[in-house]
Amino acid sequence: MPAAQPQSRAAVLGEAPGQVSLTRRYRVPPEKVWRAWTEAQALSQWFGHPGEDRAPTVAEIDLSVGGRYRIAFEGANGEMNEVSGVYQEVELHSRLVFTWAWQSTPERVSRVSVTLAAVDGGAGTEMHFVHDRFFDAQAATNHERGWQPAFEALGAFLQRKPQEA
């Protein structure tokens, strides 16, 4: 199974207006993908363009229904970006649903759903990602453009040897 191969394009192109929907497969168990989303140290290693000559990503996570998260990272333009939200669903190793709002536009709250399923006898993971409830179609397009490289970075992070991750 190839690492992090996209299984579908963003739904911005047809599935549902104002929605980004992607499915990826990773050659690691669901527990490792779960940790990449839910442990601050792991999240900071793949989210926000790590490894490029930018300030490190900062992540704070209270992983519980009603708990909050915050992610801050330096964008390509050198400005700091910050996104935060509240966990609405937390199902260990299988599903996360959380709100998503940029510090610069806190009134524009969208929603992210991440569903993980074991494949290949538990040695791999299929991740279904949906980001919806956008303010407008342009916001969906902008997020789709941002999530594509984020998932490339996630795939690279997941393939690292344990001592590197």
Protein backbone atom coordinates (compact mmCIF):
# COMPACT_ATOMS: atom_id res chain seq x y z
CA MET A 1 0.00 0.00 0.00
CA PRO A 2 1.59 3.35 -1.00
CA ALA A 3 2.08 5.85 1.82
CA ALA A 4 -0.42 8.70 2.08
CA GLN A 5 -1.98 8.26 -1.33
CA PRO A 6 -5.04 10.49 -1.84
CA GLN A 7 -8.09 8.39 -2.51
CA SER A 8 -10.37 11.26 -3.50
CA ARG A 9 -10.20 14.95 -4.34
CA ALA A 10 -11.67 17.76 -2.31
CA ALA A 11 -15.43 17.88 -2.40
CA VAL A 12 -15.10 21.57 -3.24
CA LEU A 13 -15.04 20.22 -6.78
CA GLY A 14 -18.45 18.59 -6.65
CA GLU A 15 -19.52 16.48 -3.67
CA ALA A 16 -21.01 19.16 -1.43
CA PRO A 17 -20.60 22.92 -1.61
CA GLY A 18 -18.36 24.39 1.03
CA GLN A 19 -16.78 21.09 2.07
CA VAL A 20 -13.32 19.56 1.83
CA SER A 21 -13.37 15.77 1.84
CA LEU A 22 -10.25 13.63 1.51
CA THR A 23 -9.42 10.00 2.12
CA ARG A 24 -5.84 8.89 2.66
CA ARG A 25 -4.21 5.56 3.45
CA TYR A 26 -1.14 5.27 5.64
CA ARG A 27 1.08 2.24 6.25
CA VAL A 28 0.87 2.54 10.03
CA PRO A 29 -1.74 1.35 12.56
CA PRO A 30 -4.63 3.68 13.51
CA GLU A 31 -3.06 4.28 16.94
CA LYS A 32 -0.11 6.07 15.35
CA VAL A 33 -2.33 8.27 13.17
CA TRP A 34 -4.47 9.00 16.24
CA ARG A 35 -1.40 10.13 18.19
CA ALA A 36 -0.37 12.39 15.31
CA TRP A 37 -3.71 14.23 15.69
CA THR A 38 -4.09 14.11 19.46
CA GLU A 39 -0.66 14.48 21.08
CA ALA A 40 0.72 18.03 21.08
CA GLN A 41 4.34 16.99 20.51
CA ALA A 42 3.41 14.80 17.52
CA LEU A 43 1.01 17.37 16.01
CA SER A 44 3.67 20.07 16.19
CA GLN A 45 6.00 17.90 14.07
CA TRP A 46 3.73 17.77 11.02
CA PHE A 47 1.23 20.62 11.19
CA GLY A 48 2.13 24.11 9.94
CA HIS A 49 5.00 23.35 7.56
CA PRO A 50 7.59 22.00 10.04
CA GLY A 51 11.13 21.56 8.83
CA GLU A 52 11.01 24.68 6.72
CA ASP A 53 12.92 27.70 7.98
CA ARG A 54 10.09 28.89 10.21
CA ALA A 55 9.24 29.19 13.88
CA PRO A 56 8.23 25.84 15.42
CA THR A 57 4.57 24.92 15.58
CA VAL A 58 3.06 25.21 19.05
CA ALA A 59 0.18 22.87 19.94
CA GLU A 60 -1.91 22.68 23.10
CA ILE A 61 -4.50 19.92 23.42
CA ASP A 62 -7.13 19.06 26.04
CA LEU A 63 -8.38 15.83 24.44
CA SER A 64 -11.86 15.43 25.87
CA VAL A 65 -15.37 16.28 24.71
CA GLY A 66 -15.66 19.98 25.44
CA GLY A 67 -11.87 20.28 25.72
CA ARG A 68 -10.03 22.91 23.72
CA TYR A 69 -7.04 22.86 21.41
CA ARG A 70 -4.83 25.62 20.03
CA ILE A 71 -2.25 25.47 17.24
CA ALA A 72 0.07 28.37 16.37
CA PHE A 73 2.53 28.34 13.48
CA GLU A 74 4.44 30.67 11.19
CA GLY A 75 2.98 30.97 7.71
CA ALA A 76 4.87 31.30 4.43
CA ASN A 77 4.52 35.08 4.65
CA GLY A 78 6.29 35.13 8.03
CA GLU A 79 3.14 35.98 9.98
CA MET A 80 2.03 33.84 12.91
CA ASN A 81 -1.23 31.97 12.37
CA GLU A 82 -3.35 30.57 15.17
CA VAL A 83 -6.32 28.24 15.01
CA SER A 84 -8.32 26.84 17.90
CA GLY A 85 -11.52 25.04 18.69
CA VAL A 86 -13.42 22.64 20.89
CA TYR A 87 -13.58 18.83 20.67
CA GLN A 88 -17.15 17.69 20.03
CA GLU A 89 -16.52 13.94 19.63
CA VAL A 90 -13.55 11.88 20.83
CA GLU A 91 -13.67 8.14 20.12
CA LEU A 92 -10.30 6.57 20.95
CA HIS A 93 -8.29 5.61 17.85
CA SER A 94 -11.30 6.02 15.54
CA ARG A 95 -12.98 9.44 15.42
CA LEU A 96 -12.40 13.10 16.22
CA VAL A 97 -14.80 15.97 15.57
CA PHE A 98 -13.83 19.49 16.49
CA THR A 99 -14.63 23.10 15.70
CA TRP A 100 -12.08 25.16 13.78
CA ALA A 101 -11.70 28.96 13.98
CA TRP A 102 -8.77 31.17 13.05
CA GLN A 103 -7.78 33.77 15.63
CA SER A 104 -8.04 36.41 12.89
CA THR A 105 -11.70 35.49 12.12
CA PRO A 106 -13.11 33.90 15.30
CA GLU A 107 -16.70 34.36 14.14
CA ARG A 108 -16.11 32.00 11.20
CA VAL A 109 -16.35 28.63 12.95
CA SER A 110 -16.15 25.54 10.76
CA ARG A 111 -15.99 21.83 11.66
CA VAL A 112 -13.41 19.09 11.13
CA SER A 113 -14.17 15.35 11.29
CA VAL A 114 -11.41 12.74 11.20
CA THR A 115 -12.39 9.08 11.01
CA LEU A 116 -9.78 6.32 11.19
CA ALA A 117 -10.27 2.70 10.17
CA ALA A 118 -7.80 -0.17 10.33
CA VAL A 119 -6.93 -1.77 6.99
CA ASP A 120 -4.53 -4.51 5.96
CA GLY A 121 -5.11 -6.51 9.11
CA GLY A 122 -4.48 -3.52 11.34
CA ALA A 123 -1.08 -2.69 9.81
CA GLY A 124 -2.50 0.28 7.93
CA THR A 125 -5.03 3.06 8.36
CA GLU A 126 -7.60 4.65 6.14
CA MET A 127 -8.26 8.22 7.23
CA HIS A 128 -11.40 9.97 6.08
CA PHE A 129 -11.20 13.72 6.62
CA VAL A 130 -14.06 16.20 6.24
CA HIS A 131 -13.81 19.93 6.85
CA ASP A 132 -17.19 21.63 6.41
CA ARG A 133 -19.48 24.45 7.53
CA PHE A 134 -17.32 27.11 5.93
CA PHE A 135 -18.22 30.79 5.86
CA ASP A 136 -18.17 30.77 2.05
CA ALA A 137 -16.87 28.84 -0.96
CA GLN A 138 -13.60 30.80 -1.00
CA ALA A 139 -12.86 29.72 2.58
CA ALA A 140 -13.38 26.09 1.53
CA THR A 141 -11.04 26.52 -1.43
CA ASN A 142 -8.38 28.14 0.74
CA HIS A 143 -8.58 25.34 3.32
CA GLU A 144 -8.41 22.63 0.66
CA ARG A 145 -5.22 24.28 -0.60
CA GLY A 146 -3.81 24.22 2.95
CA TRP A 147 -4.82 20.69 3.88
CA GLN A 148 -3.12 19.10 0.85
CA PRO A 149 0.46 19.92 1.98
CA ALA A 150 -0.50 19.27 5.62
CA PHE A 151 -1.40 15.69 4.74
CA GLU A 152 1.83 15.29 2.77
CA ALA A 153 3.66 16.36 5.94
CA LEU A 154 1.52 13.99 8.02
CA GLY A 155 2.42 11.11 5.70
CA ALA A 156 6.14 11.91 5.99
CA PHE A 157 5.84 12.16 9.79
CA LEU A 158 4.07 8.81 10.03
CA GLN A 159 6.78 7.07 7.99
CA ARG A 160 9.62 8.19 10.28
CA LYS A 161 11.30 5.63 12.50
CA PRO A 162 10.19 5.91 16.16
CA GLN A 163 13.41 7.58 17.30
CA GLU A 164 12.95 10.29 14.61
CA ALA A 165 9.26 11.03 15.40
